[in-house]
PDB file of N, CA and C in Angstrom:
ATOM      1  N   MET A   1       0.816  -1.203   0.000  1.00  0.00           N
ATOM      2  CA  MET A   1       0.000   0.000   0.000  1.00  0.00           C
ATOM      3  C   MET A   1       0.854   1.258   0.000  1.00  0.00           C
ATOM      4  N   ILE A   2       2.068   1.201   0.502  1.00  0.00           N
ATOM      5  CA  ILE A   2       2.896   2.399   0.596  1.00  0.00           C
ATOM      6  C   ILE A   2       3.571   2.723  -0.732  1.00  0.00           C
ATOM      7  N   TRP A   3       3.779   1.723  -1.587  1.00  0.00           N
ATOM      8  CA  TRP A   3       4.505   1.956  -2.834  1.00  0.00           C
ATOM      9  C   TRP A   3       3.825   2.944  -3.763  1.00  0.00           C
ATOM     10  N   PRO A   4       2.514   2.918  -3.912  1.00  0.00           N
ATOM     11  CA  PRO A   4       1.899   3.955  -4.763  1.00  0.00           C
ATOM     12  C   PRO A   4       2.176   5.370  -4.253  1.00  0.00           C
ATOM     13  N   ALA A   5       2.158   5.557  -2.945  1.00  0.00           N
ATOM     14  CA  ALA A   5       2.446   6.884  -2.392  1.00  0.00           C
ATOM     15  C   ALA A   5       3.896   7.273  -2.654  1.00  0.00           C
ATOM     16  N   VAL A   6       4.812   6.322  -2.546  1.00  0.00           N
ATOM     17  CA  VAL A   6       6.229   6.600  -2.813  1.00  0.00           C
ATOM     18  C   VAL A   6       6.428   6.963  -4.283  1.00  0.00           C
ATOM     19  N   ILE A   7       5.785   6.228  -5.165  1.00  0.00           N
ATOM     20  CA  ILE A   7       5.925   6.491  -6.603  1.00  0.00           C
ATOM     21  C   ILE A   7       5.322   7.845  -6.967  1.00  0.00           C
ATOM     22  N   VAL A   8       4.137   8.146  -6.448  1.00  0.00           N
ATOM     23  CA  VAL A   8       3.496   9.438  -6.730  1.00  0.00           C
ATOM     24  C   VAL A   8       4.343  10.581  -6.172  1.00  0.00           C
ATOM     25  N   GLY A   9       4.867  10.418  -4.983  1.00  0.00           N
ATOM     26  CA  GLY A   9       5.730  11.445  -4.405  1.00  0.00           C
ATOM     27  C   GLY A   9       6.998  11.647  -5.216  1.00  0.00           C
ATOM     28  N   SER A  10       7.589  10.559  -5.684  1.00  0.00           N
ATOM     29  CA  SER A  10       8.798  10.651  -6.505  1.00  0.00           C
ATOM     30  C   SER A  10       8.515  11.347  -7.829  1.00  0.00           C
ATOM     31  N   LEU A  11       7.402  10.993  -8.457  1.00  0.00           N
ATOM     32  CA  LEU A  11       7.034  11.653  -9.712  1.00  0.00           C
ATOM     33  C   LEU A  11       6.764  13.138  -9.491  1.00  0.00           C
ATOM     34  N   GLY A  12       6.105  13.457  -8.391  1.00  0.00           N
ATOM     35  CA  GLY A  12       5.841  14.866  -8.079  1.00  0.00           C
ATOM     36  C   GLY A  12       7.128  15.651  -7.899  1.00  0.00           C
ATOM     37  N   ALA A  13       8.095  15.068  -7.199  1.00  0.00           N
ATOM     38  CA  ALA A  13       9.383  15.737  -6.999  1.00  0.00           C
ATOM     39  C   ALA A  13      10.115  15.909  -8.328  1.00  0.00           C
ATOM     40  N   TYR A  14      10.047  14.896  -9.190  1.00  0.00           N
ATOM     41  CA  TYR A  14      10.697  14.987 -10.498  1.00  0.00           C
ATOM     42  C   TYR A  14      10.061  16.077 -11.353  1.00  0.00           C
ATOM     43  N   VAL A  15       8.724  16.122 -11.371  1.00  0.00           N
ATOM     44  CA  VAL A  15       8.023  17.147 -12.155  1.00  0.00           C
ATOM     45  C   VAL A  15       8.347  18.538 -11.623  1.00  0.00           C
ATOM     46  N   LEU A  16       8.428  18.681 -10.313  1.00  0.00           N
ATOM     47  CA  LEU A  16       8.765  19.976  -9.725  1.00  0.00           C
ATOM     48  C   LEU A  16      10.174  20.415 -10.137  1.00  0.00           C
ATOM     49  N   LYS A  17      11.124  19.491 -10.102  1.00  0.00           N
ATOM     50  CA  LYS A  17      12.492  19.827 -10.523  1.00  0.00           C
ATOM     51  C   LYS A  17      12.541  20.127 -12.022  1.00  0.00           C
ATOM     52  N   LEU A  18      11.822  19.365 -12.816  1.00  0.00           N
ATOM     53  CA  LEU A  18      11.790  19.582 -14.259  1.00  0.00           C
ATOM     54  C   LEU A  18      11.160  20.929 -14.596  1.00  0.00           C
ATOM     55  N   SER A  19      10.171  21.340 -13.825  1.00  0.00           N
ATOM     56  CA  SER A  19       9.510  22.620 -14.101  1.00  0.00           C
ATOM     57  C   SER A  19      10.480  23.788 -13.951  1.00  0.00           C
ATOM     58  N   GLY A  20      11.494  23.653 -13.136  1.00  0.00           N
ATOM     59  CA  GLY A  20      12.500  24.699 -13.011  1.00  0.00           C
ATOM     60  C   GLY A  20      13.266  24.928 -14.299  1.00  0.00           C
ATOM     61  N   TYR A  21      13.390  23.909 -15.125  1.00  0.00           N
ATOM     62  CA  TYR A  21      14.061  24.047 -16.415  1.00  0.00           C
ATOM     63  C   TYR A  21      13.105  24.493 -17.508  1.00  0.00           C
ATOM     64  N   VAL A  22      11.834  24.143 -17.382  1.00  0.00           N
ATOM     65  CA  VAL A  22      10.857  24.393 -18.437  1.00  0.00           C
ATOM     66  C   VAL A  22      10.243  25.787 -18.338  1.00  0.00           C
ATOM     67  N   ILE A  23      10.018  26.279 -17.131  1.00  0.00           N
ATOM     68  CA  ILE A  23       9.376  27.581 -16.938  1.00  0.00           C
ATOM     69  C   ILE A  23      10.324  28.677 -17.424  1.00  0.00           C
ATOM     70  N   PRO A  24       9.801  29.622 -18.227  1.00  0.00           N
ATOM     71  CA  PRO A  24      10.662  30.705 -18.732  1.00  0.00           C
ATOM     72  C   PRO A  24      11.224  31.567 -17.596  1.00  0.00           C
ATOM     73  N   GLU A  25      12.408  32.130 -17.821  1.00  0.00           N
ATOM     74  CA  GLU A  25      13.079  32.926 -16.794  1.00  0.00           C
ATOM     75  C   GLU A  25      12.292  34.180 -16.439  1.00  0.00           C
ATOM     76  N   ARG A  26      11.559  34.743 -17.409  1.00  0.00           N
ATOM     77  CA  ARG A  26      10.789  35.954 -17.120  1.00  0.00           C
ATOM     78  C   ARG A  26       9.708  35.696 -16.087  1.00  0.00           C
ATOM     79  N   VAL A  27       9.181  34.479 -16.045  1.00  0.00           N
ATOM     80  CA  VAL A  27       8.180  34.128 -15.033  1.00  0.00           C
ATOM     81  C   VAL A  27       8.846  34.019 -13.664  1.00  0.00           C
ATOM     82  N   LEU A  28      10.015  33.436 -13.625  1.00  0.00           N
ATOM     83  CA  LEU A  28      10.721  33.254 -12.358  1.00  0.00           C
ATOM     84  C   LEU A  28      11.285  34.562 -11.806  1.00  0.00           C
ATOM     85  N   ASP A  29      11.475  35.565 -12.668  1.00  0.00           N
ATOM     86  CA  ASP A  29      11.993  36.860 -12.227  1.00  0.00           C
ATOM     87  C   ASP A  29      10.900  37.796 -11.720  1.00  0.00           C
ATOM     88  N   ASN A  30       9.678  37.332 -11.667  1.00  0.00           N
ATOM     89  CA  ASN A  30       8.570  38.145 -11.166  1.00  0.00           C
ATOM     90  C   ASN A  30       8.827  38.497  -9.695  1.00  0.00           C
ATOM     91  N   PRO A  31       8.769  39.796  -9.325  1.00  0.00           N
ATOM     92  CA  PRO A  31       9.044  40.187  -7.933  1.00  0.00           C
ATOM     93  C   PRO A  31       8.084  39.558  -6.919  1.00  0.00           C
ATOM     94  N   ARG A  32       6.826  39.389  -7.301  1.00  0.00           N
ATOM     95  CA  ARG A  32       5.865  38.775  -6.372  1.00  0.00           C
ATOM     96  C   ARG A  32       6.216  37.316  -6.116  1.00  0.00           C
ATOM     97  N   LEU A  33       6.646  36.617  -7.160  1.00  0.00           N
ATOM     98  CA  LEU A  33       7.042  35.220  -6.997  1.00  0.00           C
ATOM     99  C   LEU A  33       8.303  35.116  -6.141  1.00  0.00           C
ATOM    100  N   ARG A  34       9.237  36.026  -6.329  1.00  0.00           N
ATOM    101  CA  ARG A  34      10.451  36.030  -5.504  1.00  0.00           C
ATOM    102  C   ARG A  34      10.113  36.282  -4.034  1.00  0.00           C
ATOM    103  N   GLN A  35       9.192  37.214  -3.782  1.00  0.00           N
ATOM    104  CA  GLN A  35       8.793  37.501  -2.403  1.00  0.00           C
ATOM    105  C   GLN A  35       8.108  36.284  -1.788  1.00  0.00           C
ATOM    106  N   LEU A  36       7.250  35.623  -2.568  1.00  0.00           N
ATOM    107  CA  LEU A  36       6.560  34.432  -2.072  1.00  0.00           C
ATOM    108  C   LEU A  36       7.551  33.326  -1.728  1.00  0.00           C
ATOM    109  N   THR A  37       8.519  33.101  -2.597  1.00  0.00           N
ATOM    110  CA  THR A  37       9.486  32.034  -2.322  1.00  0.00           C
ATOM    111  C   THR A  37      10.425  32.395  -1.177  1.00  0.00           C
ATOM    112  N   THR A  38      10.492  33.666  -0.838  1.00  0.00           N
ATOM    113  CA  THR A  38      11.301  34.075   0.309  1.00  0.00           C
ATOM    114  C   THR A  38      10.575  33.825   1.621  1.00  0.00           C
ATOM    115  N   ILE A  39       9.264  34.105   1.666  1.00  0.00           N
ATOM    116  CA  ILE A  39       8.530  33.997   2.930  1.00  0.00           C
ATOM    117  C   ILE A  39       7.853  32.645   3.140  1.00  0.00           C
ATOM    118  N   LEU A  40       7.685  31.864   2.084  1.00  0.00           N
ATOM    119  CA  LEU A  40       6.996  30.581   2.217  1.00  0.00           C
ATOM    120  C   LEU A  40       7.697  29.612   3.173  1.00  0.00           C
ATOM    121  N   PRO A  41       9.011  29.430   3.116  1.00  0.00           N
ATOM    122  CA  PRO A  41       9.654  28.522   4.084  1.00  0.00           C
ATOM    123  C   PRO A  41       9.479  28.977   5.530  1.00  0.00           C
ATOM    124  N   ILE A  42       9.461  30.282   5.759  1.00  0.00           N
ATOM    125  CA  ILE A  42       9.266  30.795   7.114  1.00  0.00           C
ATOM    126  C   ILE A  42       7.879  30.422   7.622  1.00  0.00           C
ATOM    127  N   ALA A  43       6.874  30.597   6.769  1.00  0.00           N
ATOM    128  CA  ALA A  43       5.506  30.260   7.162  1.00  0.00           C
ATOM    129  C   ALA A  43       5.350  28.760   7.416  1.00  0.00           C
ATOM    130  N   LEU A  44       5.947  27.942   6.571  1.00  0.00           N
ATOM    131  CA  LEU A  44       5.850  26.494   6.756  1.00  0.00           C
ATOM    132  C   LEU A  44       6.550  26.045   8.034  1.00  0.00           C
ATOM    133  N   LEU A  45       7.711  26.613   8.321  1.00  0.00           N
ATOM    134  CA  LEU A  45       8.428  26.265   9.547  1.00  0.00           C
ATOM    135  C   LEU A  45       7.658  26.718  10.780  1.00  0.00           C
ATOM    136  N   ALA A  46       7.061  27.906  10.724  1.00  0.00           N
ATOM    137  CA  ALA A  46       6.261  28.397  11.848  1.00  0.00           C
ATOM    138  C   ALA A  46       5.056  27.491  12.090  1.00  0.00           C
ATOM    139  N   ALA A  47       4.419  27.031  11.019  1.00  0.00           N
ATOM    140  CA  ALA A  47       3.286  26.121  11.169  1.00  0.00           C
ATOM    141  C   ALA A  47       3.728  24.795  11.780  1.00  0.00           C
ATOM    142  N   LEU A  48       4.865  24.283  11.359  1.00  0.00           N
ATOM    143  CA  LEU A  48       5.387  23.035  11.916  1.00  0.00           C
ATOM    144  C   LEU A  48       5.700  23.182  13.398  1.00  0.00           C
ATOM    145  N   VAL A  49       6.329  24.288  13.776  1.00  0.00           N
ATOM    146  CA  VAL A  49       6.644  24.532  15.189  1.00  0.00           C
ATOM    147  C   VAL A  49       5.360  24.631  15.998  1.00  0.00           C
ATOM    148  N   GLY A  50       4.365  25.331  15.470  1.00  0.00           N
ATOM    149  CA  GLY A  50       3.088  25.463  16.175  1.00  0.00           C
ATOM    150  C   GLY A  50       2.404  24.129  16.395  1.00  0.00           C
ATOM    151  N   VAL A  51       2.362  23.311  15.374  1.00  0.00           N
ATOM    152  CA  VAL A  51       1.708  21.999  15.498  1.00  0.00           C
ATOM    153  C   VAL A  51       2.465  21.106  16.470  1.00  0.00           C
ATOM    154  N   GLN A  52       3.791  21.086  16.375  1.00  0.00           N
ATOM    155  CA  GLN A  52       4.577  20.222  17.251  1.00  0.00           C
ATOM    156  C   GLN A  52       4.594  20.703  18.697  1.00  0.00           C
ATOM    157  N   THR A  53       4.387  21.999  18.922  1.00  0.00           N
ATOM    158  CA  THR A  53       4.448  22.547  20.274  1.00  0.00           C
ATOM    159  C   THR A  53       3.118  22.446  20.997  1.00  0.00           C
ATOM    160  N   PHE A  54       2.038  22.716  20.308  1.00  0.00           N
ATOM    161  CA  PHE A  54       0.745  22.864  20.973  1.00  0.00           C
ATOM    162  C   PHE A  54      -0.202  21.691  20.786  1.00  0.00           C
ATOM    163  N   SER A  55       0.231  20.591  20.193  1.00  0.00           N
ATOM    164  CA  SER A  55      -0.699  19.482  19.997  1.00  0.00           C
ATOM    165  C   SER A  55      -0.069  18.153  20.386  1.00  0.00           C
ATOM    166  N   THR A  56      -0.939  17.282  20.859  1.00  0.00           N
ATOM    167  CA  THR A  56      -0.571  15.906  21.156  1.00  0.00           C
ATOM    168  C   THR A  56      -1.673  15.035  20.577  1.00  0.00           C
ATOM    169  N   GLY A  57      -1.339  14.260  19.561  1.00  0.00           N
ATOM    170  CA  GLY A  57      -2.376  13.487  18.894  1.00  0.00           C
ATOM    171  C   GLY A  57      -3.337  14.428  18.195  1.00  0.00           C
ATOM    172  N   ASP A  58      -4.597  14.361  18.588  1.00  0.00           N
ATOM    173  CA  ASP A  58      -5.591  15.250  17.990  1.00  0.00           C
ATOM    174  C   ASP A  58      -6.155  16.229  19.012  1.00  0.00           C
ATOM    175  N   ALA A  59      -5.394  16.517  20.062  1.00  0.00           N
ATOM    176  CA  ALA A  59      -5.834  17.452  21.098  1.00  0.00           C
ATOM    177  C   ALA A  59      -4.795  18.554  21.280  1.00  0.00           C
ATOM    178  N   VAL A  60      -5.292  19.733  21.635  1.00  0.00           N
ATOM    179  CA  VAL A  60      -4.393  20.842  21.940  1.00  0.00           C
ATOM    180  C   VAL A  60      -3.956  20.707  23.391  1.00  0.00           C
ATOM    181  N   GLN A  61      -2.656  20.814  23.631  1.00  0.00           N
ATOM    182  CA  GLN A  61      -2.130  20.638  24.980  1.00  0.00           C
ATOM    183  C   GLN A  61      -1.028  21.658  25.242  1.00  0.00           C
ATOM    184  N   VAL A  62      -1.126  22.334  26.380  1.00  0.00           N
ATOM    185  CA  VAL A  62      -0.091  23.277  26.801  1.00  0.00           C
ATOM    186  C   VAL A  62       0.721  22.590  27.889  1.00  0.00           C
ATOM    187  N   ASP A  63       2.005  22.360  27.616  1.00  0.00           N
ATOM    188  CA  ASP A  63       2.857  21.663  28.576  1.00  0.00           C
ATOM    189  C   ASP A  63       4.258  22.276  28.562  1.00  0.00           C
ATOM    190  N   ALA A  64       5.244  21.513  28.933  1.00  0.00           N
ATOM    191  CA  ALA A  64       6.615  22.018  29.048  1.00  0.00           C
ATOM    192  C   ALA A  64       7.183  22.463  27.704  1.00  0.00           C
ATOM    193  N   ARG A  65       6.652  21.946  26.610  1.00  0.00           N
ATOM    194  CA  ARG A  65       7.144  22.357  25.296  1.00  0.00           C
ATOM    195  C   ARG A  65       6.896  23.838  25.046  1.00  0.00           C
ATOM    196  N   VAL A  66       5.764  24.343  25.548  1.00  0.00           N
ATOM    197  CA  VAL A  66       5.449  25.764  25.368  1.00  0.00           C
ATOM    198  C   VAL A  66       6.459  26.623  26.132  1.00  0.00           C
ATOM    199  N   ALA A  67       6.779  26.222  27.349  1.00  0.00           N
ATOM    200  CA  ALA A  67       7.780  26.957  28.129  1.00  0.00           C
ATOM    201  C   ALA A  67       9.148  26.879  27.453  1.00  0.00           C
ATOM    202  N   GLY A  68       9.477  25.732  26.889  1.00  0.00           N
ATOM    203  CA  GLY A  68      10.735  25.594  26.158  1.00  0.00           C
ATOM    204  C   GLY A  68      10.782  26.504  24.939  1.00  0.00           C
ATOM    205  N   LEU A  69       9.663  26.595  24.230  1.00  0.00           N
ATOM    206  CA  LEU A  69       9.591  27.490  23.079  1.00  0.00           C
ATOM    207  C   LEU A  69       9.742  28.943  23.515  1.00  0.00           C
ATOM    208  N   ALA A  70       9.090  29.308  24.610  1.00  0.00           N
ATOM    209  CA  ALA A  70       9.203  30.679  25.122  1.00  0.00           C
ATOM    210  C   ALA A  70      10.649  30.988  25.520  1.00  0.00           C
ATOM    211  N   ALA A  71      11.303  30.044  26.160  1.00  0.00           N
ATOM    212  CA  ALA A  71      12.708  30.243  26.538  1.00  0.00           C
ATOM    213  C   ALA A  71      13.592  30.368  25.296  1.00  0.00           C
ATOM    214  N   ALA A  72      13.289  29.592  24.265  1.00  0.00           N
ATOM    215  CA  ALA A  72      14.056  29.683  23.022  1.00  0.00           C
ATOM    216  C   ALA A  72      13.859  31.042  22.359  1.00  0.00           C
ATOM    217  N   ILE A  73      12.643  31.562  22.401  1.00  0.00           N
ATOM    218  CA  ILE A  73      12.379  32.884  21.818  1.00  0.00           C
ATOM    219  C   ILE A  73      13.174  33.960  22.557  1.00  0.00           C
ATOM    220  N   VAL A  74      13.205  33.856  23.884  1.00  0.00           N
ATOM    221  CA  VAL A  74      13.988  34.824  24.669  1.00  0.00           C
ATOM    222  C   VAL A  74      15.475  34.709  24.315  1.00  0.00           C
ATOM    223  N   ALA A  75      15.972  33.487  24.205  1.00  0.00           N
ATOM    224  CA  ALA A  75      17.386  33.297  23.859  1.00  0.00           C
ATOM    225  C   ALA A  75      17.689  33.845  22.463  1.00  0.00           C
ATOM    226  N   LEU A  76      16.758  33.660  21.529  1.00  0.00           N
ATOM    227  CA  LEU A  76      16.952  34.221  20.191  1.00  0.00           C
ATOM    228  C   LEU A  76      16.944  35.741  20.229  1.00  0.00           C
ATOM    229  N   ALA A  77      16.046  36.307  21.041  1.00  0.00           N
ATOM    230  CA  ALA A  77      15.987  37.769  21.161  1.00  0.00           C
ATOM    231  C   ALA A  77      17.283  38.327  21.746  1.00  0.00           C
ATOM    232  N   LEU A  78      17.928  37.536  22.587  1.00  0.00           N
ATOM    233  CA  LEU A  78      19.211  37.951  23.166  1.00  0.00           C
ATOM    234  C   LEU A  78      20.392  37.628  22.244  1.00  0.00           C
ATOM    235  N   ARG A  79      20.081  37.125  21.038  1.00  0.00           N
ATOM    236  CA  ARG A  79      21.065  36.803  20.004  1.00  0.00           C
ATOM    237  C   ARG A  79      22.044  35.712  20.422  1.00  0.00           C
ATOM    238  N   ALA A  80      21.527  34.716  21.113  1.00  0.00           N
ATOM    239  CA  ALA A  80      22.356  33.574  21.505  1.00  0.00           C
ATOM    240  C   ALA A  80      22.629  32.701  20.276  1.00  0.00           C
ATOM    241  N   PRO A  81      23.735  31.983  20.257  1.00  0.00           N
ATOM    242  CA  PRO A  81      24.000  31.044  19.162  1.00  0.00           C
ATOM    243  C   PRO A  81      22.930  29.947  19.118  1.00  0.00           C
ATOM    244  N   PHE A  82      22.753  29.370  17.935  1.00  0.00           N
ATOM    245  CA  PHE A  82      21.678  28.398  17.738  1.00  0.00           C
ATOM    246  C   PHE A  82      21.782  27.220  18.699  1.00  0.00           C
ATOM    247  N   LEU A  83      22.967  26.695  18.902  1.00  0.00           N
ATOM    248  CA  LEU A  83      23.138  25.562  19.812  1.00  0.00           C
ATOM    249  C   LEU A  83      22.719  25.936  21.227  1.00  0.00           C
ATOM    250  N   VAL A  84      23.028  27.145  21.655  1.00  0.00           N
ATOM    251  CA  VAL A  84      22.624  27.611  22.985  1.00  0.00           C
ATOM    252  C   VAL A  84      21.104  27.716  23.064  1.00  0.00           C
ATOM    253  N   VAL A  85      20.474  28.187  22.005  1.00  0.00           N
ATOM    254  CA  VAL A  85      19.009  28.288  21.974  1.00  0.00           C
ATOM    255  C   VAL A  85      18.386  26.909  22.166  1.00  0.00           C
ATOM    256  N   ILE A  86      18.893  25.914  21.464  1.00  0.00           N
ATOM    257  CA  ILE A  86      18.371  24.548  21.584  1.00  0.00           C
ATOM    258  C   ILE A  86      18.578  24.023  22.998  1.00  0.00           C
ATOM    259  N   LEU A  87      19.754  24.237  23.552  1.00  0.00           N
ATOM    260  CA  LEU A  87      20.034  23.753  24.908  1.00  0.00           C
ATOM    261  C   LEU A  87      19.162  24.452  25.950  1.00  0.00           C
ATOM    262  N   VAL A  88      18.930  25.743  25.798  1.00  0.00           N
ATOM    263  CA  VAL A  88      18.067  26.481  26.733  1.00  0.00           C
ATOM    264  C   VAL A  88      16.645  25.942  26.674  1.00  0.00           C
ATOM    265  N   ALA A  89      16.136  25.712  25.476  1.00  0.00           N
ATOM    266  CA  ALA A  89      14.774  25.189  25.330  1.00  0.00           C
ATOM    267  C   ALA A  89      14.654  23.794  25.941  1.00  0.00           C
ATOM    268  N   ALA A  90      15.616  22.936  25.652  1.00  0.00           N
ATOM    269  CA  ALA A  90      15.577  21.574  26.190  1.00  0.00           C
ATOM    270  C   ALA A  90      15.714  21.574  27.704  1.00  0.00           C
ATOM    271  N   ALA A  91      16.611  22.394  28.229  1.00  0.00           N
ATOM    272  CA  ALA A  91      16.805  22.447  29.681  1.00  0.00           C
ATOM    273  C   ALA A  91      15.563  22.982  30.382  1.00  0.00           C
ATOM    274  N   THR A  92      14.925  23.978  29.798  1.00  0.00           N
ATOM    275  CA  THR A  92      13.705  24.528  30.397  1.00  0.00           C
ATOM    276  C   THR A  92      12.619  23.469  30.476  1.00  0.00           C
ATOM    277  N   ALA A  93      12.395  22.766  29.377  1.00  0.00           N
ATOM    278  CA  ALA A  93      11.374  21.721  29.380  1.00  0.00           C
ATOM    279  C   ALA A  93      11.739  20.601  30.348  1.00  0.00           C
ATOM    280  N   ALA A  94      13.007  20.218  30.395  1.00  0.00           N
ATOM    281  CA  ALA A  94      13.433  19.138  31.287  1.00  0.00           C
ATOM    282  C   ALA A  94      13.277  19.518  32.750  1.00  0.00           C
ATOM    283  N   VAL A  95      13.634  20.743  33.101  1.00  0.00           N
ATOM    284  CA  VAL A  95      13.513  21.183  34.496  1.00  0.00           C
ATOM    285  C   VAL A  95      12.046  21.217  34.913  1.00  0.00           C
ATOM    286  N   LEU A  96      11.190  21.738  34.054  1.00  0.00           N
ATOM    287  CA  LEU A  96       9.764  21.790  34.394  1.00  0.00           C
ATOM    288  C   LEU A  96       9.166  20.394  34.538  1.00  0.00           C
ATOM    289  N   ARG A  97       9.553  19.491  33.650  1.00  0.00           N
ATOM    290  CA  ARG A  97       9.044  18.117  33.756  1.00  0.00           C
ATOM    291  C   ARG A  97       9.629  17.418  34.973  1.00  0.00           C
ATOM    292  N   GLY A  98      10.901  17.630  35.236  1.00  0.00           N
ATOM    293  CA  GLY A  98      11.551  17.002  36.387  1.00  0.00           C
ATOM    294  C   GLY A  98      10.990  17.487  37.710  1.00  0.00           C
ATOM    295  N   ALA A  99      10.609  18.749  37.764  1.00  0.00           N
ATOM    296  CA  ALA A  99      10.043  19.312  38.992  1.00  0.00           C
ATOM    297  C   ALA A  99       8.562  18.985  39.141  1.00  0.00           C
ATOM    298  N   GLY A 100       7.991  18.356  38.123  1.00  0.00           N
ATOM    299  CA  GLY A 100       6.578  17.999  38.182  1.00  0.00           C
ATOM    300  C   GLY A 100       5.645  19.174  37.942  1.00  0.00           C
ATOM    301  N   LEU A 101       6.165  20.267  37.408  1.00  0.00           N
ATOM    302  CA  LEU A 101       5.344  21.448  37.158  1.00  0.00           C
ATOM    303  C   LEU A 101       4.600  21.382  35.832  1.00  0.00           C
ATOM    304  N   ALA A 102       5.058  20.536  34.930  1.00  0.00           N
ATOM    305  CA  ALA A 102       4.410  20.399  33.627  1.00  0.00           C
ATOM    306  C   ALA A 102       4.498  18.945  33.190  1.00  0.00           C
ATOM    307  N   PRO A 103       3.461  18.471  32.509  1.00  0.00           N
ATOM    308  CA  PRO A 103       3.499  17.082  32.016  1.00  0.00           C
ATOM    309  C   PRO A 103       4.453  16.907  30.863  1.00  0.00           C
TER     310      PRO A 103
END
């Protein structure tokens, strides 16, 4: 049952890559398209972070992950290196879970 999905996904990826060669350059130089391709990854990443932080299964849940995300945002605002941001977020969630303050 999984092979049709793998084949369709592979064909979709191939068509997407091929379209980069087939689409005229004047279409790709459109300023609106350039702006869209600049902000689209940010929106997709934000949606992924939101889903992974605030949901468990099919329910919305606020737990230590939210505090970890908040700590990471503060660390980013303070311009900490990326590795430090990850460690701060993980440590915050671990301390809250270890202290029994958050599930």
